[in-house]
Amino acid sequence: MQKSFKALNIKCDGCANTIKESLKSEFGEVDVDLSQEPRVVTLEIKDEEAEQNFLKKMRSLGYPLEGEELGTFTKGTLKAKSFVSCAIGKINKK
């Protein structure tokens, strides 16, 4: 089923490109709506395990979901990861 999630730290097309490329092998087509704040990521989630994998992958890229309980250090770490992910997305953009 299609599910949408509100994600933090997504700023631009570079961020969106990294997310789409990183998730497409596991989830297929991924949409990142840059017109809303926080940004909305929509994809096909088959079950609870797939949703947990999605959440882990997003955090590993530096894009936590809205409402996650994060400490100050974790927030800073994820923001730094998102800058790297964004730069990679800009470089790899087709």
PDB file of N, CA and C in Angstrom:
ATOM      1  N   MET A   1       0.831  -1.175   0.000  1.00  0.00           N
ATOM      2  CA  MET A   1       0.000   0.000   0.000  1.00  0.00           C
ATOM      3  C   MET A   1       0.878   1.242   0.000  1.00  0.00           C
ATOM      4  N   GLN A   2       0.412   2.279  -0.645  1.00  0.00           N
ATOM      5  CA  GLN A   2       1.127   3.565  -0.679  1.00  0.00           C
ATOM      6  C   GLN A   2       1.028   4.218   0.693  1.00  0.00           C
ATOM      7  N   LYS A   3       2.152   4.671   1.217  1.00  0.00           N
ATOM      8  CA  LYS A   3       2.176   5.389   2.487  1.00  0.00           C
ATOM      9  C   LYS A   3       3.020   6.634   2.325  1.00  0.00           C
ATOM     10  N   SER A   4       2.648   7.662   3.051  1.00  0.00           N
ATOM     11  CA  SER A   4       3.384   8.922   3.037  1.00  0.00           C
ATOM     12  C   SER A   4       3.924   9.212   4.433  1.00  0.00           C
ATOM     13  N   PHE A   5       5.124   9.765   4.468  1.00  0.00           N
ATOM     14  CA  PHE A   5       5.807  10.088   5.710  1.00  0.00           C
ATOM     15  C   PHE A   5       6.360  11.495   5.629  1.00  0.00           C
ATOM     16  N   LYS A   6       6.255  12.261   6.710  1.00  0.00           N
ATOM     17  CA  LYS A   6       6.838  13.595   6.778  1.00  0.00           C
ATOM     18  C   LYS A   6       8.262  13.465   7.295  1.00  0.00           C
ATOM     19  N   ALA A   7       9.223  13.947   6.489  1.00  0.00           N
ATOM     20  CA  ALA A   7      10.638  13.788   6.818  1.00  0.00           C
ATOM     21  C   ALA A   7      11.312  15.145   6.996  1.00  0.00           C
ATOM     22  N   LEU A   8      12.292  15.171   7.876  1.00  0.00           N
ATOM     23  CA  LEU A   8      13.036  16.382   8.188  1.00  0.00           C
ATOM     24  C   LEU A   8      14.370  16.408   7.444  1.00  0.00           C
ATOM     25  N   ASN A   9      14.980  17.571   7.370  1.00  0.00           N
ATOM     26  CA  ASN A   9      16.302  17.816   6.785  1.00  0.00           C
ATOM     27  C   ASN A   9      16.340  17.738   5.265  1.00  0.00           C
ATOM     28  N   ILE A  10      15.229  17.497   4.595  1.00  0.00           N
ATOM     29  CA  ILE A  10      15.213  17.462   3.134  1.00  0.00           C
ATOM     30  C   ILE A  10      15.066  18.902   2.654  1.00  0.00           C
ATOM     31  N   LYS A  11      16.064  19.375   1.897  1.00  0.00           N
ATOM     32  CA  LYS A  11      16.071  20.772   1.480  1.00  0.00           C
ATOM     33  C   LYS A  11      15.874  20.981  -0.015  1.00  0.00           C
ATOM     34  N   CYS A  12      16.351  20.031  -0.856  1.00  0.00           N
ATOM     35  CA  CYS A  12      16.397  20.330  -2.285  1.00  0.00           C
ATOM     36  C   CYS A  12      16.302  19.066  -3.133  1.00  0.00           C
ATOM     37  N   ASP A  13      16.463  19.261  -4.447  1.00  0.00           N
ATOM     38  CA  ASP A  13      16.448  18.141  -5.387  1.00  0.00           C
ATOM     39  C   ASP A  13      17.588  17.165  -5.134  1.00  0.00           C
ATOM     40  N   GLY A  14      18.729  17.653  -4.652  1.00  0.00           N
ATOM     41  CA  GLY A  14      19.846  16.763  -4.338  1.00  0.00           C
ATOM     42  C   GLY A  14      19.467  15.780  -3.241  1.00  0.00           C
ATOM     43  N   CYS A  15      18.824  16.276  -2.200  1.00  0.00           N
ATOM     44  CA  CYS A  15      18.346  15.413  -1.116  1.00  0.00           C
ATOM     45  C   CYS A  15      17.331  14.402  -1.657  1.00  0.00           C
ATOM     46  N   ALA A  16      16.372  14.900  -2.435  1.00  0.00           N
ATOM     47  CA  ALA A  16      15.327  14.041  -2.995  1.00  0.00           C
ATOM     48  C   ALA A  16      15.935  12.962  -3.886  1.00  0.00           C
ATOM     49  N   ASN A  17      16.932  13.327  -4.691  1.00  0.00           N
ATOM     50  CA  ASN A  17      17.564  12.365  -5.583  1.00  0.00           C
ATOM     51  C   ASN A  17      18.254  11.254  -4.794  1.00  0.00           C
ATOM     52  N   THR A  18      18.963  11.606  -3.723  1.00  0.00           N
ATOM     53  CA  THR A  18      19.620  10.605  -2.889  1.00  0.00           C
ATOM     54  C   THR A  18      18.599   9.648  -2.296  1.00  0.00           C
ATOM     55  N   ILE A  19      17.494  10.184  -1.801  1.00  0.00           N
ATOM     56  CA  ILE A  19      16.452   9.344  -1.206  1.00  0.00           C
ATOM     57  C   ILE A  19      15.880   8.392  -2.254  1.00  0.00           C
ATOM     58  N   LYS A  20      15.518   8.929  -3.409  1.00  0.00           N
ATOM     59  CA  LYS A  20      14.928   8.094  -4.470  1.00  0.00           C
ATOM     60  C   LYS A  20      15.881   6.989  -4.900  1.00  0.00           C
ATOM     61  N   GLU A  21      17.145   7.336  -5.142  1.00  0.00           N
ATOM     62  CA  GLU A  21      18.123   6.353  -5.604  1.00  0.00           C
ATOM     63  C   GLU A  21      18.434   5.305  -4.528  1.00  0.00           C
ATOM     64  N   SER A  22      18.491   5.731  -3.278  1.00  0.00           N
ATOM     65  CA  SER A  22      18.819   4.822  -2.185  1.00  0.00           C
ATOM     66  C   SER A  22      17.696   3.847  -1.868  1.00  0.00           C
ATOM     67  N   LEU A  23      16.465   4.236  -2.152  1.00  0.00           N
ATOM     68  CA  LEU A  23      15.314   3.405  -1.784  1.00  0.00           C
ATOM     69  C   LEU A  23      14.716   2.613  -2.933  1.00  0.00           C
ATOM     70  N   LYS A  24      15.036   2.967  -4.178  1.00  0.00           N
ATOM     71  CA  LYS A  24      14.307   2.379  -5.299  1.00  0.00           C
ATOM     72  C   LYS A  24      14.499   0.876  -5.453  1.00  0.00           C
ATOM     73  N   SER A  25      15.649   0.322  -5.119  1.00  0.00           N
ATOM     74  CA  SER A  25      15.835  -1.122  -5.278  1.00  0.00           C
ATOM     75  C   SER A  25      14.953  -1.917  -4.318  1.00  0.00           C
ATOM     76  N   GLU A  26      14.676  -1.367  -3.163  1.00  0.00           N
ATOM     77  CA  GLU A  26      13.848  -2.068  -2.170  1.00  0.00           C
ATOM     78  C   GLU A  26      12.376  -1.690  -2.255  1.00  0.00           C
ATOM     79  N   PHE A  27      12.081  -0.432  -2.619  1.00  0.00           N
ATOM     80  CA  PHE A  27      10.708   0.058  -2.549  1.00  0.00           C
ATOM     81  C   PHE A  27      10.116   0.460  -3.896  1.00  0.00           C
ATOM     82  N   GLY A  28      10.892   0.428  -4.954  1.00  0.00           N
ATOM     83  CA  GLY A  28      10.387   0.849  -6.262  1.00  0.00           C
ATOM     84  C   GLY A  28      10.334   2.362  -6.354  1.00  0.00           C
ATOM     85  N   GLU A  29       9.317   2.862  -7.028  1.00  0.00           N
ATOM     86  CA  GLU A  29       9.161   4.305  -7.238  1.00  0.00           C
ATOM     87  C   GLU A  29       8.928   5.029  -5.911  1.00  0.00           C
ATOM     88  N   VAL A  30       9.712   6.072  -5.681  1.00  0.00           N
ATOM     89  CA  VAL A  30       9.610   6.883  -4.466  1.00  0.00           C
ATOM     90  C   VAL A  30       9.369   8.321  -4.897  1.00  0.00           C
ATOM     91  N   ASP A  31       8.388   8.971  -4.267  1.00  0.00           N
ATOM     92  CA  ASP A  31       8.094  10.370  -4.567  1.00  0.00           C
ATOM     93  C   ASP A  31       8.482  11.220  -3.367  1.00  0.00           C
ATOM     94  N   VAL A  32       9.175  12.328  -3.633  1.00  0.00           N
ATOM     95  CA  VAL A  32       9.527  13.279  -2.577  1.00  0.00           C
ATOM     96  C   VAL A  32       8.904  14.616  -2.956  1.00  0.00           C
ATOM     97  N   ASP A  33       7.938  15.065  -2.167  1.00  0.00           N
ATOM     98  CA  ASP A  33       7.227  16.320  -2.426  1.00  0.00           C
ATOM     99  C   ASP A  33       7.977  17.462  -1.751  1.00  0.00           C
ATOM    100  N   LEU A  34       8.625  18.280  -2.570  1.00  0.00           N
ATOM    101  CA  LEU A  34       9.407  19.401  -2.050  1.00  0.00           C
ATOM    102  C   LEU A  34       8.574  20.666  -1.858  1.00  0.00           C
ATOM    103  N   SER A  35       7.279  20.606  -2.158  1.00  0.00           N
ATOM    104  CA  SER A  35       6.428  21.790  -2.040  1.00  0.00           C
ATOM    105  C   SER A  35       5.855  21.950  -0.632  1.00  0.00           C
ATOM    106  N   GLN A  36       6.033  20.974   0.221  1.00  0.00           N
ATOM    107  CA  GLN A  36       5.508  21.023   1.577  1.00  0.00           C
ATOM    108  C   GLN A  36       6.656  21.071   2.578  1.00  0.00           C
ATOM    109  N   GLU A  37       6.375  21.562   3.770  1.00  0.00           N
ATOM    110  CA  GLU A  37       7.352  21.574   4.852  1.00  0.00           C
ATOM    111  C   GLU A  37       6.662  21.069   6.100  1.00  0.00           C
ATOM    112  N   PRO A  38       7.078  19.992   6.743  1.00  0.00           N
ATOM    113  CA  PRO A  38       8.180  19.149   6.318  1.00  0.00           C
ATOM    114  C   PRO A  38       7.855  18.421   5.014  1.00  0.00           C
ATOM    115  N   ARG A  39       8.914  17.993   4.337  1.00  0.00           N
ATOM    116  CA  ARG A  39       8.769  17.314   3.050  1.00  0.00           C
ATOM    117  C   ARG A  39       8.051  15.979   3.231  1.00  0.00           C
ATOM    118  N   VAL A  40       7.359  15.535   2.189  1.00  0.00           N
ATOM    119  CA  VAL A  40       6.591  14.295   2.260  1.00  0.00           C
ATOM    120  C   VAL A  40       7.196  13.271   1.298  1.00  0.00           C
ATOM    121  N   VAL A  41       7.519  12.111   1.845  1.00  0.00           N
ATOM    122  CA  VAL A  41       8.063  11.001   1.065  1.00  0.00           C
ATOM    123  C   VAL A  41       6.963   9.949   0.959  1.00  0.00           C
ATOM    124  N   THR A  42       6.627   9.562  -0.280  1.00  0.00           N
ATOM    125  CA  THR A  42       5.568   8.588  -0.520  1.00  0.00           C
ATOM    126  C   THR A  42       6.150   7.397  -1.270  1.00  0.00           C
ATOM    127  N   LEU A  43       5.822   6.201  -0.791  1.00  0.00           N
ATOM    128  CA  LEU A  43       6.328   4.988  -1.401  1.00  0.00           C
ATOM    129  C   LEU A  43       5.441   3.802  -1.053  1.00  0.00           C
ATOM    130  N   GLU A  44       5.724   2.673  -1.689  1.00  0.00           N
ATOM    131  CA  GLU A  44       4.985   1.438  -1.469  1.00  0.00           C
ATOM    132  C   GLU A  44       5.573   0.717  -0.259  1.00  0.00           C
ATOM    133  N   ILE A  45       4.748   0.528   0.773  1.00  0.00           N
ATOM    134  CA  ILE A  45       5.156  -0.194   1.979  1.00  0.00           C
ATOM    135  C   ILE A  45       4.283  -1.446   2.076  1.00  0.00           C
ATOM    136  N   LYS A  46       4.922  -2.607   2.040  1.00  0.00           N
ATOM    137  CA  LYS A  46       4.171  -3.864   2.009  1.00  0.00           C
ATOM    138  C   LYS A  46       3.767  -4.370   3.386  1.00  0.00           C
ATOM    139  N   ASP A  47       4.632  -4.150   4.385  1.00  0.00           N
ATOM    140  CA  ASP A  47       4.356  -4.674   5.721  1.00  0.00           C
ATOM    141  C   ASP A  47       5.155  -3.897   6.763  1.00  0.00           C
ATOM    142  N   GLU A  48       5.010  -4.302   8.018  1.00  0.00           N
ATOM    143  CA  GLU A  48       5.679  -3.624   9.134  1.00  0.00           C
ATOM    144  C   GLU A  48       7.200  -3.706   9.013  1.00  0.00           C
ATOM    145  N   GLU A  49       7.701  -4.833   8.554  1.00  0.00           N
ATOM    146  CA  GLU A  49       9.150  -4.994   8.387  1.00  0.00           C
ATOM    147  C   GLU A  49       9.694  -4.014   7.338  1.00  0.00           C
ATOM    148  N   ALA A  50       8.969  -3.872   6.239  1.00  0.00           N
ATOM    149  CA  ALA A  50       9.381  -2.925   5.195  1.00  0.00           C
ATOM    150  C   ALA A  50       9.371  -1.498   5.740  1.00  0.00           C
ATOM    151  N   GLU A  51       8.373  -1.173   6.557  1.00  0.00           N
ATOM    152  CA  GLU A  51       8.303   0.172   7.131  1.00  0.00           C
ATOM    153  C   GLU A  51       9.494   0.425   8.059  1.00  0.00           C
ATOM    154  N   GLN A  52       9.854  -0.556   8.860  1.00  0.00           N
ATOM    155  CA  GLN A  52      11.006  -0.404   9.752  1.00  0.00           C
ATOM    156  C   GLN A  52      12.299  -0.255   8.951  1.00  0.00           C
ATOM    157  N   ASN A  53      12.426  -1.000   7.856  1.00  0.00           N
ATOM    158  CA  ASN A  53      13.602  -0.863   6.985  1.00  0.00           C
ATOM    159  C   ASN A  53      13.668   0.535   6.380  1.00  0.00           C
ATOM    160  N   PHE A  54      12.518   1.057   5.976  1.00  0.00           N
ATOM    161  CA  PHE A  54      12.447   2.414   5.440  1.00  0.00           C
ATOM    162  C   PHE A  54      12.918   3.432   6.482  1.00  0.00           C
ATOM    163  N   LEU A  55      12.412   3.324   7.698  1.00  0.00           N
ATOM    164  CA  LEU A  55      12.780   4.259   8.767  1.00  0.00           C
ATOM    165  C   LEU A  55      14.286   4.217   9.040  1.00  0.00           C
ATOM    166  N   LYS A  56      14.855   3.014   9.088  1.00  0.00           N
ATOM    167  CA  LYS A  56      16.298   2.875   9.324  1.00  0.00           C
ATOM    168  C   LYS A  56      17.097   3.494   8.182  1.00  0.00           C
ATOM    169  N   LYS A  57      16.674   3.247   6.958  1.00  0.00           N
ATOM    170  CA  LYS A  57      17.381   3.774   5.794  1.00  0.00           C
ATOM    171  C   LYS A  57      17.337   5.305   5.786  1.00  0.00           C
ATOM    172  N   MET A  58      16.166   5.876   6.079  1.00  0.00           N
ATOM    173  CA  MET A  58      16.041   7.333   6.103  1.00  0.00           C
ATOM    174  C   MET A  58      16.965   7.940   7.151  1.00  0.00           C
ATOM    175  N   ARG A  59      17.018   7.338   8.323  1.00  0.00           N
ATOM    176  CA  ARG A  59      17.904   7.856   9.375  1.00  0.00           C
ATOM    177  C   ARG A  59      19.360   7.719   8.971  1.00  0.00           C
ATOM    178  N   SER A  60      19.703   6.606   8.305  1.00  0.00           N
ATOM    179  CA  SER A  60      21.096   6.412   7.897  1.00  0.00           C
ATOM    180  C   SER A  60      21.527   7.459   6.878  1.00  0.00           C
ATOM    181  N   LEU A  61      20.571   8.003   6.129  1.00  0.00           N
ATOM    182  CA  LEU A  61      20.856   9.055   5.158  1.00  0.00           C
ATOM    183  C   LEU A  61      20.829  10.452   5.780  1.00  0.00           C
ATOM    184  N   GLY A  62      20.327  10.545   7.023  1.00  0.00           N
ATOM    185  CA  GLY A  62      20.259  11.830   7.717  1.00  0.00           C
ATOM    186  C   GLY A  62      18.900  12.488   7.661  1.00  0.00           C
ATOM    187  N   TYR A  63      17.864  11.712   7.308  1.00  0.00           N
ATOM    188  CA  TYR A  63      16.514  12.265   7.161  1.00  0.00           C
ATOM    189  C   TYR A  63      15.539  11.573   8.112  1.00  0.00           C
ATOM    190  N   PRO A  64      15.498  11.999   9.388  1.00  0.00           N
ATOM    191  CA  PRO A  64      14.549  11.394  10.322  1.00  0.00           C
ATOM    192  C   PRO A  64      13.125  11.839   9.992  1.00  0.00           C
ATOM    193  N   LEU A  65      12.176  11.109  10.526  1.00  0.00           N
ATOM    194  CA  LEU A  65      10.784  11.469  10.303  1.00  0.00           C
ATOM    195  C   LEU A  65      10.294  12.415  11.378  1.00  0.00           C
ATOM    196  N   GLU A  66       9.326  13.232  11.013  1.00  0.00           N
ATOM    197  CA  GLU A  66       8.725  14.170  11.955  1.00  0.00           C
ATOM    198  C   GLU A  66       8.161  13.383  13.139  1.00  0.00           C
ATOM    199  N   GLY A  67       8.403  13.893  14.333  1.00  0.00           N
ATOM    200  CA  GLY A  67       7.851  13.276  15.532  1.00  0.00           C
ATOM    201  C   GLY A  67       8.780  12.276  16.207  1.00  0.00           C
ATOM    202  N   GLU A  68       9.903  11.933  15.568  1.00  0.00           N
ATOM    203  CA  GLU A  68      10.852  11.032  16.212  1.00  0.00           C
ATOM    204  C   GLU A  68      11.487  11.739  17.402  1.00  0.00           C
ATOM    205  N   GLU A  69      11.656  11.008  18.489  1.00  0.00           N
ATOM    206  CA  GLU A  69      12.322  11.545  19.671  1.00  0.00           C
ATOM    207  C   GLU A  69      13.826  11.509  19.424  1.00  0.00           C
ATOM    208  N   LEU A  70      14.435  12.680  19.308  1.00  0.00           N
ATOM    209  CA  LEU A  70      15.866  12.767  19.017  1.00  0.00           C
ATOM    210  C   LEU A  70      16.541  13.690  20.014  1.00  0.00           C
ATOM    211  N   GLY A  71      17.689  13.255  20.514  1.00  0.00           N
ATOM    212  CA  GLY A  71      18.488  14.101  21.391  1.00  0.00           C
ATOM    213  C   GLY A  71      19.224  15.154  20.582  1.00  0.00           C
ATOM    214  N   THR A  72      19.788  16.125  21.254  1.00  0.00           N
ATOM    215  CA  THR A  72      20.504  17.211  20.591  1.00  0.00           C
ATOM    216  C   THR A  72      21.671  16.694  19.763  1.00  0.00           C
ATOM    217  N   PHE A  73      22.451  15.776  20.305  1.00  0.00           N
ATOM    218  CA  PHE A  73      23.593  15.227  19.582  1.00  0.00           C
ATOM    219  C   PHE A  73      23.114  14.472  18.333  1.00  0.00           C
ATOM    220  N   THR A  74      22.078  13.670  18.484  1.00  0.00           N
ATOM    221  CA  THR A  74      21.540  12.890  17.356  1.00  0.00           C
ATOM    222  C   THR A  74      21.024  13.821  16.265  1.00  0.00           C
ATOM    223  N   LYS A  75      20.318  14.881  16.653  1.00  0.00           N
ATOM    224  CA  LYS A  75      19.821  15.849  15.662  1.00  0.00           C
ATOM    225  C   LYS A  75      20.973  16.440  14.859  1.00  0.00           C
ATOM    226  N   GLY A  76      22.040  16.820  15.547  1.00  0.00           N
ATOM    227  CA  GLY A  76      23.197  17.400  14.872  1.00  0.00           C
ATOM    228  C   GLY A  76      23.876  16.402  13.947  1.00  0.00           C
ATOM    229  N   THR A  77      23.997  15.167  14.402  1.00  0.00           N
ATOM    230  CA  THR A  77      24.604  14.111  13.585  1.00  0.00           C
ATOM    231  C   THR A  77      23.779  13.858  12.332  1.00  0.00           C
ATOM    232  N   LEU A  78      22.463  13.777  12.478  1.00  0.00           N
ATOM    233  CA  LEU A  78      21.597  13.524  11.327  1.00  0.00           C
ATOM    234  C   LEU A  78      21.616  14.693  10.351  1.00  0.00           C
ATOM    235  N   LYS A  79      21.688  15.910  10.868  1.00  0.00           N
ATOM    236  CA  LYS A  79      21.763  17.077   9.981  1.00  0.00           C
ATOM    237  C   LYS A  79      23.058  17.032   9.172  1.00  0.00           C
ATOM    238  N   ALA A  80      24.168  16.670   9.798  1.00  0.00           N
ATOM    239  CA  ALA A  80      25.444  16.558   9.080  1.00  0.00           C
ATOM    240  C   ALA A  80      25.367  15.466   8.016  1.00  0.00           C
ATOM    241  N   LYS A  81      24.762  14.325   8.351  1.00  0.00           N
ATOM    242  CA  LYS A  81      24.604  13.240   7.375  1.00  0.00           C
ATOM    243  C   LYS A  81      23.758  13.705   6.195  1.00  0.00           C
ATOM    244  N   SER A  82      22.726  14.506   6.478  1.00  0.00           N
ATOM    245  CA  SER A  82      21.848  14.963   5.400  1.00  0.00           C
ATOM    246  C   SER A  82      22.600  15.883   4.437  1.00  0.00           C
ATOM    247  N   PHE A  83      23.555  16.675   4.937  1.00  0.00           N
ATOM    248  CA  PHE A  83      24.353  17.533   4.053  1.00  0.00           C
ATOM    249  C   PHE A  83      25.183  16.687   3.091  1.00  0.00           C
ATOM    250  N   VAL A  84      25.763  15.610   3.606  1.00  0.00           N
ATOM    251  CA  VAL A  84      26.554  14.703   2.767  1.00  0.00           C
ATOM    252  C   VAL A  84      25.642  14.029   1.745  1.00  0.00           C
ATOM    253  N   SER A  85      24.484  13.524   2.196  1.00  0.00           N
ATOM    254  CA  SER A  85      23.537  12.878   1.289  1.00  0.00           C
ATOM    255  C   SER A  85      23.078  13.841   0.199  1.00  0.00           C
ATOM    256  N   CYS A  86      22.848  15.075   0.565  1.00  0.00           N
ATOM    257  CA  CYS A  86      22.429  16.101  -0.395  1.00  0.00           C
ATOM    258  C   CYS A  86      23.508  16.309  -1.453  1.00  0.00           C
ATOM    259  N   ALA A  87      24.753  16.452  -1.007  1.00  0.00           N
ATOM    260  CA  ALA A  87      25.863  16.667  -1.945  1.00  0.00           C
ATOM    261  C   ALA A  87      26.004  15.498  -2.909  1.00  0.00           C
ATOM    262  N   ILE A  88      25.874  14.280  -2.394  1.00  0.00           N
ATOM    263  CA  ILE A  88      25.945  13.077  -3.235  1.00  0.00           C
ATOM    264  C   ILE A  88      24.805  13.092  -4.253  1.00  0.00           C
ATOM    265  N   GLY A  89      23.607  13.463  -3.799  1.00  0.00           N
ATOM    266  CA  GLY A  89      22.458  13.533  -4.694  1.00  0.00           C
ATOM    267  C   GLY A  89      22.634  14.561  -5.808  1.00  0.00           C
ATOM    268  N   LYS A  90      23.286  15.676  -5.494  1.00  0.00           N
ATOM    269  CA  LYS A  90      23.538  16.707  -6.512  1.00  0.00           C
ATOM    270  C   LYS A  90      24.557  16.218  -7.528  1.00  0.00           C
ATOM    271  N   ILE A  91      25.570  15.498  -7.066  1.00  0.00           N
ATOM    272  CA  ILE A  91      26.609  14.983  -7.951  1.00  0.00           C
ATOM    273  C   ILE A  91      26.043  13.904  -8.872  1.00  0.00           C
ATOM    274  N   ASN A  92      25.206  13.026  -8.305  1.00  0.00           N
ATOM    275  CA  ASN A  92      24.669  11.882  -9.048  1.00  0.00           C
ATOM    276  C   ASN A  92      23.418  12.202  -9.863  1.00  0.00           C
ATOM    277  N   LYS A  93      22.912  13.436  -9.745  1.00  0.00           N
ATOM    278  CA  LYS A  93      21.682  13.793 -10.448  1.00  0.00           C
ATOM    279  C   LYS A  93      21.884  13.688 -11.947  1.00  0.00           C
ATOM    280  N   LYS A  94      20.902  13.098 -12.590  1.00  0.00           N
ATOM    281  CA  LYS A  94      20.981  12.872 -14.044  1.00  0.00           C
ATOM    282  C   LYS A  94      20.472  14.058 -14.809  1.00  0.00           C
TER     283      LYS A  94
END
